Amino acid sequence: MSRIFKGRVVLGGNLKEEAVVTKEGLNILASFQKSALKKSKNVICSDQNNKDLYNKNLTNKIICLPQTIGSTTGGMVLQAIVELGIGPSAMLFSEHIDSLAAAGIILAEVWNGKKIITIDQLGNEFLEYVKTGQKIEIKDDGTVIVE
């Protein structure tokens, strides 16, 4: 049975893809930098402090999270993995988007013309409901359907 959530559109689009879920803050630098520096074909989360995502493939996935955490260079790392073609397809935030993620998402679109569909303010109920491996459909108006 599907469940529908509605959030605020930060960067809209339509997409259907697999979810990876963390209930912790996503440290962009710790999670993505190793794959970016190696110019890997996929981002394998290298943040061993994030038990939900560690060693999981994040490329072309919908990352469901409360917010990002870590260094101010996180935005540049996010932009770099998008430029390399190994970034996530979308980011769905239970809370307000934070400045680290917003910077990377904006830089990726402006500098590289590549979009990470982003919806925020989906609520804690969304993050409790969605599980890694579930398919999620995102609509341009901020509707998120978890299958």
N, C-alpha and C. Protein backbone atom coordinates (compact mmCIF):
# COMPACT_ATOMS: atom_id res chain seq x y z
N MET A 1 0.84 -1.18 0.00
CA MET A 1 0.00 0.00 0.00
C MET A 1 0.89 1.25 0.00
N SER A 2 0.59 2.17 -0.86
CA SER A 2 1.35 3.41 -0.99
C SER A 2 0.94 4.41 0.07
N ARG A 3 1.88 5.29 0.39
CA ARG A 3 1.61 6.37 1.33
C ARG A 3 2.09 7.67 0.70
N ILE A 4 1.30 8.72 0.83
CA ILE A 4 1.59 10.00 0.19
C ILE A 4 1.99 11.04 1.24
N PHE A 5 3.06 11.76 0.93
CA PHE A 5 3.54 12.86 1.77
C PHE A 5 3.66 14.10 0.89
N LYS A 6 3.57 15.26 1.50
CA LYS A 6 3.68 16.51 0.75
C LYS A 6 4.70 17.40 1.44
N GLY A 7 5.66 17.89 0.66
CA GLY A 7 6.69 18.76 1.20
C GLY A 7 6.82 20.03 0.38
N ARG A 8 7.81 20.82 0.73
CA ARG A 8 8.10 22.07 0.02
C ARG A 8 9.11 21.78 -1.08
N VAL A 9 8.84 22.26 -2.26
CA VAL A 9 9.73 22.06 -3.40
C VAL A 9 10.91 23.04 -3.28
N VAL A 10 12.11 22.49 -3.23
CA VAL A 10 13.32 23.29 -3.27
C VAL A 10 13.82 23.32 -4.71
N LEU A 11 13.89 22.14 -5.32
CA LEU A 11 14.25 22.00 -6.73
C LEU A 11 13.40 20.87 -7.28
N GLY A 12 12.40 21.23 -8.07
CA GLY A 12 11.38 20.28 -8.48
C GLY A 12 11.78 19.37 -9.63
N GLY A 13 10.95 18.38 -9.81
CA GLY A 13 11.12 17.42 -10.90
C GLY A 13 10.27 16.20 -10.64
N ASN A 14 10.21 15.34 -11.63
CA ASN A 14 9.47 14.08 -11.54
C ASN A 14 10.46 12.94 -11.63
N LEU A 15 10.31 11.97 -10.75
CA LEU A 15 11.28 10.89 -10.67
C LEU A 15 10.68 9.70 -9.95
N LYS A 16 11.10 8.51 -10.33
CA LYS A 16 10.77 7.30 -9.59
C LYS A 16 12.06 6.51 -9.45
N GLU A 17 12.46 6.26 -8.20
CA GLU A 17 13.75 5.61 -7.94
C GLU A 17 13.73 4.95 -6.57
N GLU A 18 14.80 4.24 -6.27
CA GLU A 18 14.93 3.54 -4.99
C GLU A 18 15.46 4.48 -3.90
N ALA A 19 14.94 4.28 -2.70
CA ALA A 19 15.33 5.09 -1.54
C ALA A 19 16.49 4.46 -0.78
N VAL A 20 17.34 5.33 -0.23
CA VAL A 20 18.27 4.97 0.83
C VAL A 20 17.97 5.93 1.97
N VAL A 21 17.88 5.39 3.18
CA VAL A 21 17.34 6.17 4.29
C VAL A 21 18.33 6.23 5.45
N THR A 22 18.48 7.42 5.99
CA THR A 22 19.21 7.59 7.25
C THR A 22 18.38 8.45 8.18
N LYS A 23 18.37 8.06 9.42
CA LYS A 23 17.68 8.85 10.44
C LYS A 23 18.65 9.81 11.13
N GLU A 24 19.91 9.72 10.73
CA GLU A 24 20.96 10.59 11.26
C GLU A 24 21.27 11.67 10.22
N GLY A 25 21.97 12.71 10.65
CA GLY A 25 22.43 13.70 9.69
C GLY A 25 23.43 13.08 8.73
N LEU A 26 23.36 13.45 7.47
CA LEU A 26 24.27 12.93 6.45
C LEU A 26 25.49 13.85 6.36
N ASN A 27 26.66 13.33 6.69
CA ASN A 27 27.90 14.09 6.56
C ASN A 27 28.36 13.96 5.11
N ILE A 28 28.13 14.99 4.33
CA ILE A 28 28.43 14.95 2.89
C ILE A 28 29.92 14.69 2.65
N LEU A 29 30.76 15.42 3.35
CA LEU A 29 32.21 15.27 3.16
C LEU A 29 32.64 13.84 3.46
N ALA A 30 32.28 13.32 4.62
CA ALA A 30 32.70 11.98 5.03
C ALA A 30 32.07 10.90 4.15
N SER A 31 30.87 11.14 3.65
CA SER A 31 30.16 10.13 2.86
C SER A 31 30.60 10.06 1.41
N PHE A 32 30.88 11.21 0.79
CA PHE A 32 31.10 11.28 -0.65
C PHE A 32 32.54 11.53 -1.09
N GLN A 33 33.35 12.16 -0.25
CA GLN A 33 34.66 12.62 -0.69
C GLN A 33 35.56 11.50 -1.21
N LYS A 34 35.59 10.37 -0.52
CA LYS A 34 36.47 9.27 -0.92
C LYS A 34 36.16 8.81 -2.36
N SER A 35 34.88 8.65 -2.68
CA SER A 35 34.48 8.24 -4.03
C SER A 35 34.80 9.32 -5.05
N ALA A 36 34.63 10.60 -4.66
CA ALA A 36 34.93 11.70 -5.57
C ALA A 36 36.42 11.74 -5.88
N LEU A 37 37.26 11.61 -4.87
CA LEU A 37 38.71 11.67 -5.08
C LEU A 37 39.21 10.51 -5.94
N LYS A 38 38.59 9.36 -5.79
CA LYS A 38 38.97 8.18 -6.59
C LYS A 38 38.34 8.20 -7.99
N LYS A 39 37.43 9.17 -8.20
CA LYS A 39 36.66 9.24 -9.44
C LYS A 39 36.00 7.89 -9.74
N SER A 40 35.37 7.36 -8.70
CA SER A 40 34.68 6.07 -8.77
C SER A 40 33.48 6.15 -9.71
N LYS A 41 32.99 4.99 -10.10
CA LYS A 41 31.79 4.93 -10.95
C LYS A 41 30.51 5.04 -10.13
N ASN A 42 30.61 4.81 -8.82
CA ASN A 42 29.50 4.93 -7.89
C ASN A 42 30.01 5.50 -6.57
N VAL A 43 29.13 6.20 -5.87
CA VAL A 43 29.46 6.65 -4.53
C VAL A 43 29.04 5.55 -3.56
N ILE A 44 30.01 5.01 -2.87
CA ILE A 44 29.76 4.08 -1.78
C ILE A 44 30.01 4.88 -0.50
N CYS A 45 28.99 5.01 0.32
CA CYS A 45 29.10 5.85 1.52
C CYS A 45 30.28 5.40 2.36
N SER A 46 31.19 6.32 2.63
CA SER A 46 32.39 6.01 3.38
C SER A 46 32.37 6.57 4.81
N ASP A 47 31.21 7.06 5.25
CA ASP A 47 31.10 7.59 6.60
C ASP A 47 30.73 6.46 7.56
N GLN A 48 31.75 5.90 8.21
CA GLN A 48 31.50 4.78 9.11
C GLN A 48 30.72 5.18 10.36
N ASN A 49 30.55 6.46 10.60
CA ASN A 49 29.73 6.92 11.72
C ASN A 49 28.24 6.92 11.41
N ASN A 50 27.89 6.76 10.13
CA ASN A 50 26.48 6.70 9.75
C ASN A 50 26.12 5.24 9.50
N LYS A 51 25.63 4.59 10.53
CA LYS A 51 25.35 3.15 10.45
C LYS A 51 24.25 2.81 9.43
N ASP A 52 23.38 3.78 9.13
CA ASP A 52 22.30 3.54 8.16
C ASP A 52 22.81 3.46 6.72
N LEU A 53 23.85 4.24 6.40
CA LEU A 53 24.29 4.36 5.01
C LEU A 53 25.67 3.78 4.72
N TYR A 54 26.47 3.53 5.74
CA TYR A 54 27.84 3.08 5.53
C TYR A 54 27.90 1.88 4.58
N ASN A 55 28.76 1.99 3.56
CA ASN A 55 28.99 0.97 2.53
C ASN A 55 27.82 0.78 1.56
N LYS A 56 26.83 1.68 1.59
CA LYS A 56 25.71 1.59 0.64
C LYS A 56 25.99 2.48 -0.57
N ASN A 57 25.51 2.04 -1.72
CA ASN A 57 25.61 2.81 -2.95
C ASN A 57 24.62 3.97 -2.88
N LEU A 58 25.09 5.19 -3.09
CA LEU A 58 24.23 6.37 -3.06
C LEU A 58 24.00 6.98 -4.44
N THR A 59 24.68 6.46 -5.45
CA THR A 59 24.55 7.00 -6.81
C THR A 59 23.18 6.69 -7.38
N ASN A 60 22.56 7.71 -7.95
CA ASN A 60 21.25 7.60 -8.58
C ASN A 60 20.17 7.09 -7.65
N LYS A 61 20.32 7.33 -6.37
CA LYS A 61 19.32 6.95 -5.37
C LYS A 61 18.63 8.19 -4.85
N ILE A 62 17.49 7.99 -4.20
CA ILE A 62 16.82 9.07 -3.49
C ILE A 62 17.25 8.96 -2.03
N ILE A 63 18.00 9.94 -1.57
CA ILE A 63 18.47 9.94 -0.19
C ILE A 63 17.41 10.61 0.67
N CYS A 64 16.91 9.86 1.65
CA CYS A 64 15.91 10.35 2.60
C CYS A 64 16.62 10.60 3.93
N LEU A 65 16.50 11.80 4.46
CA LEU A 65 17.30 12.19 5.61
C LEU A 65 16.67 13.34 6.37
N PRO A 66 17.12 13.57 7.61
CA PRO A 66 16.63 14.76 8.31
C PRO A 66 17.33 16.02 7.81
N GLN A 67 18.66 15.98 7.71
CA GLN A 67 19.46 17.11 7.24
C GLN A 67 20.88 16.65 7.01
N THR A 68 21.71 17.53 6.45
CA THR A 68 23.13 17.20 6.31
C THR A 68 23.89 17.87 7.45
N ILE A 69 25.09 17.34 7.71
CA ILE A 69 25.93 17.86 8.78
C ILE A 69 27.36 17.90 8.26
N GLY A 70 28.23 18.56 9.01
CA GLY A 70 29.65 18.50 8.70
C GLY A 70 30.25 19.80 8.23
N SER A 71 31.32 19.66 7.49
CA SER A 71 32.16 20.77 7.06
C SER A 71 31.46 21.66 6.04
N THR A 72 31.88 22.92 6.02
CA THR A 72 31.34 23.87 5.04
C THR A 72 31.74 23.50 3.61
N THR A 73 32.69 22.61 3.44
CA THR A 73 33.05 22.17 2.09
C THR A 73 32.07 21.13 1.54
N GLY A 74 31.10 20.73 2.35
CA GLY A 74 30.12 19.73 1.92
C GLY A 74 29.41 20.10 0.63
N GLY A 75 29.06 21.37 0.47
CA GLY A 75 28.38 21.82 -0.74
C GLY A 75 29.23 21.60 -1.98
N MET A 76 30.52 21.90 -1.87
CA MET A 76 31.43 21.70 -3.01
C MET A 76 31.60 20.21 -3.33
N VAL A 77 31.65 19.38 -2.30
CA VAL A 77 31.77 17.94 -2.53
C VAL A 77 30.52 17.42 -3.22
N LEU A 78 29.35 17.88 -2.79
CA LEU A 78 28.10 17.47 -3.44
C LEU A 78 28.09 17.91 -4.90
N GLN A 79 28.49 19.13 -5.17
CA GLN A 79 28.57 19.62 -6.55
C GLN A 79 29.55 18.78 -7.36
N ALA A 80 30.68 18.41 -6.77
CA ALA A 80 31.71 17.63 -7.48
C ALA A 80 31.21 16.24 -7.86
N ILE A 81 30.48 15.58 -6.96
CA ILE A 81 30.00 14.23 -7.32
C ILE A 81 28.92 14.29 -8.39
N VAL A 82 28.16 15.38 -8.38
CA VAL A 82 27.17 15.56 -9.45
C VAL A 82 27.89 15.80 -10.77
N GLU A 83 28.94 16.61 -10.75
CA GLU A 83 29.72 16.87 -11.97
C GLU A 83 30.33 15.57 -12.51
N LEU A 84 30.74 14.68 -11.61
CA LEU A 84 31.31 13.38 -12.02
C LEU A 84 30.24 12.40 -12.49
N GLY A 85 28.96 12.76 -12.31
CA GLY A 85 27.87 11.89 -12.75
C GLY A 85 27.57 10.76 -11.77
N ILE A 86 27.98 10.92 -10.51
CA ILE A 86 27.78 9.85 -9.53
C ILE A 86 26.96 10.32 -8.32
N GLY A 87 26.25 11.40 -8.48
CA GLY A 87 25.47 11.95 -7.37
C GLY A 87 24.13 11.26 -7.19
N PRO A 88 23.43 11.64 -6.13
CA PRO A 88 22.08 11.11 -5.92
C PRO A 88 21.11 11.72 -6.92
N SER A 89 20.01 11.03 -7.17
CA SER A 89 18.96 11.57 -8.05
C SER A 89 18.13 12.63 -7.34
N ALA A 90 17.94 12.41 -6.04
CA ALA A 90 17.09 13.32 -5.27
C ALA A 90 17.49 13.25 -3.80
N MET A 91 17.10 14.31 -3.09
CA MET A 91 17.27 14.36 -1.64
C MET A 91 15.94 14.79 -1.05
N LEU A 92 15.44 13.98 -0.12
CA LEU A 92 14.17 14.26 0.54
C LEU A 92 14.42 14.47 2.03
N PHE A 93 14.16 15.67 2.49
CA PHE A 93 14.45 16.07 3.87
C PHE A 93 13.18 16.04 4.71
N SER A 94 13.27 15.44 5.88
CA SER A 94 12.14 15.49 6.81
C SER A 94 12.04 16.89 7.42
N GLU A 95 13.17 17.56 7.59
CA GLU A 95 13.23 18.90 8.17
C GLU A 95 13.45 19.93 7.07
N HIS A 96 13.72 21.19 7.47
CA HIS A 96 14.10 22.22 6.51
C HIS A 96 15.45 21.85 5.91
N ILE A 97 15.64 22.14 4.64
CA ILE A 97 16.96 21.94 4.03
C ILE A 97 17.96 22.84 4.76
N ASP A 98 19.17 22.34 4.92
CA ASP A 98 20.21 23.11 5.58
C ASP A 98 21.10 23.78 4.54
N SER A 99 21.93 24.70 4.98
CA SER A 99 22.75 25.49 4.06
C SER A 99 23.81 24.64 3.35
N LEU A 100 24.33 23.60 3.98
CA LEU A 100 25.34 22.75 3.34
C LEU A 100 24.77 22.07 2.09
N ALA A 101 23.62 21.44 2.26
CA ALA A 101 22.99 20.76 1.12
C ALA A 101 22.51 21.76 0.08
N ALA A 102 21.91 22.84 0.53
CA ALA A 102 21.39 23.84 -0.41
C ALA A 102 22.51 24.37 -1.30
N ALA A 103 23.67 24.62 -0.72
CA ALA A 103 24.80 25.13 -1.52
C ALA A 103 25.17 24.15 -2.62
N GLY A 104 25.32 22.89 -2.29
CA GLY A 104 25.70 21.89 -3.30
C GLY A 104 24.65 21.69 -4.37
N ILE A 105 23.40 21.71 -3.99
CA ILE A 105 22.30 21.51 -4.94
C ILE A 105 22.24 22.69 -5.91
N ILE A 106 22.39 23.90 -5.39
CA ILE A 106 22.38 25.09 -6.25
C ILE A 106 23.60 25.11 -7.16
N LEU A 107 24.78 24.83 -6.60
CA LEU A 107 26.00 24.82 -7.42
C LEU A 107 25.92 23.79 -8.55
N ALA A 108 25.40 22.61 -8.25
CA ALA A 108 25.29 21.56 -9.28
C ALA A 108 24.40 22.02 -10.43
N GLU A 109 23.31 22.69 -10.10
CA GLU A 109 22.41 23.14 -11.17
C GLU A 109 22.99 24.32 -11.94
N VAL A 110 23.52 25.30 -11.23
CA VAL A 110 24.03 26.52 -11.88
C VAL A 110 25.31 26.23 -12.66
N TRP A 111 26.27 25.55 -12.05
CA TRP A 111 27.56 25.32 -12.69
C TRP A 111 27.56 24.16 -13.67
N ASN A 112 26.77 23.13 -13.37
CA ASN A 112 26.83 21.91 -14.19
C ASN A 112 25.55 21.63 -14.96
N GLY A 113 24.50 22.40 -14.70
CA GLY A 113 23.23 22.15 -15.37
C GLY A 113 22.63 20.81 -15.01
N LYS A 114 22.97 20.29 -13.84
CA LYS A 114 22.46 18.99 -13.39
C LYS A 114 21.65 19.20 -12.13
N LYS A 115 20.52 18.51 -12.07
CA LYS A 115 19.56 18.74 -11.00
C LYS A 115 19.51 17.56 -10.04
N ILE A 116 19.58 17.87 -8.75
CA ILE A 116 19.23 16.92 -7.70
C ILE A 116 17.85 17.36 -7.23
N ILE A 117 16.83 16.61 -7.59
CA ILE A 117 15.48 16.97 -7.16
C ILE A 117 15.47 17.00 -5.63
N THR A 118 14.93 18.08 -5.08
CA THR A 118 15.00 18.26 -3.64
C THR A 118 13.67 18.76 -3.09
N ILE A 119 13.18 18.02 -2.09
CA ILE A 119 11.96 18.39 -1.37
C ILE A 119 12.31 18.40 0.11
N ASP A 120 11.86 19.41 0.83
CA ASP A 120 12.09 19.42 2.28
C ASP A 120 10.76 19.54 3.03
N GLN A 121 10.85 19.57 4.34
CA GLN A 121 9.70 19.70 5.24
C GLN A 121 8.67 18.56 5.05
N LEU A 122 9.17 17.36 4.83
CA LEU A 122 8.27 16.21 4.67
C LEU A 122 7.81 15.66 6.02
N GLY A 123 8.48 16.03 7.09
CA GLY A 123 8.04 15.65 8.44
C GLY A 123 8.68 14.38 8.96
N ASN A 124 8.67 14.26 10.26
CA ASN A 124 9.25 13.08 10.91
C ASN A 124 8.50 11.80 10.57
N GLU A 125 7.21 11.90 10.34
CA GLU A 125 6.40 10.73 9.98
C GLU A 125 6.90 10.12 8.67
N PHE A 126 7.31 10.97 7.73
CA PHE A 126 7.88 10.49 6.47
C PHE A 126 9.13 9.65 6.74
N LEU A 127 10.03 10.19 7.54
CA LEU A 127 11.30 9.51 7.81
C LEU A 127 11.10 8.23 8.61
N GLU A 128 10.08 8.15 9.41
CA GLU A 128 9.77 6.92 10.14
C GLU A 128 9.17 5.86 9.21
N TYR A 129 8.44 6.30 8.21
CA TYR A 129 7.73 5.38 7.32
C TYR A 129 8.63 4.77 6.24
N VAL A 130 9.43 5.58 5.58
CA VAL A 130 10.21 5.14 4.43
C VAL A 130 11.36 4.23 4.86
N LYS A 131 11.64 3.22 4.05
CA LYS A 131 12.71 2.26 4.34
C LYS A 131 13.64 2.15 3.12
N THR A 132 14.91 1.87 3.38
CA THR A 132 15.87 1.65 2.30
C THR A 132 15.37 0.52 1.41
N GLY A 133 15.45 0.75 0.10
CA GLY A 133 15.03 -0.24 -0.88
C GLY A 133 13.64 -0.02 -1.43
N GLN A 134 12.83 0.78 -0.74
CA GLN A 134 11.49 1.07 -1.25
C GLN A 134 11.58 1.98 -2.47
N LYS A 135 10.63 1.85 -3.37
CA LYS A 135 10.52 2.76 -4.50
C LYS A 135 9.76 4.00 -4.06
N ILE A 136 10.24 5.15 -4.52
CA ILE A 136 9.60 6.43 -4.24
C ILE A 136 9.35 7.14 -5.55
N GLU A 137 8.17 7.71 -5.66
CA GLU A 137 7.84 8.55 -6.81
C GLU A 137 7.73 9.99 -6.31
N ILE A 138 8.42 10.88 -7.00
CA ILE A 138 8.40 12.30 -6.65
C ILE A 138 7.70 13.05 -7.78
N LYS A 139 6.79 13.92 -7.40
CA LYS A 139 6.07 14.77 -8.36
C LYS A 139 6.60 16.20 -8.27
N ASP A 140 6.47 16.91 -9.36
CA ASP A 140 6.96 18.28 -9.48
C ASP A 140 6.38 19.24 -8.43
N ASP A 141 5.22 18.90 -7.89
CA ASP A 141 4.56 19.79 -6.92
C ASP A 141 4.94 19.50 -5.47
N GLY A 142 5.90 18.60 -5.24
CA GLY A 142 6.33 18.27 -3.89
C GLY A 142 5.65 17.06 -3.29
N THR A 143 4.82 16.39 -4.07
CA THR A 143 4.18 15.16 -3.62
C THR A 143 5.18 14.02 -3.68
N VAL A 144 5.25 13.25 -2.62
CA VAL A 144 6.16 12.11 -2.53
C VAL A 144 5.33 10.88 -2.23
N ILE A 145 5.40 9.87 -3.10
CA ILE A 145 4.63 8.65 -2.93
C ILE A 145 5.60 7.52 -2.62
N VAL A 146 5.45 6.94 -1.43
CA VAL A 146 6.29 5.84 -1.01
C VAL A 146 5.51 4.55 -1.27
N GLU A 147 6.08 3.69 -2.11
CA GLU A 147 5.37 2.45 -2.46
C GLU A 147 5.70 1.32 -1.51
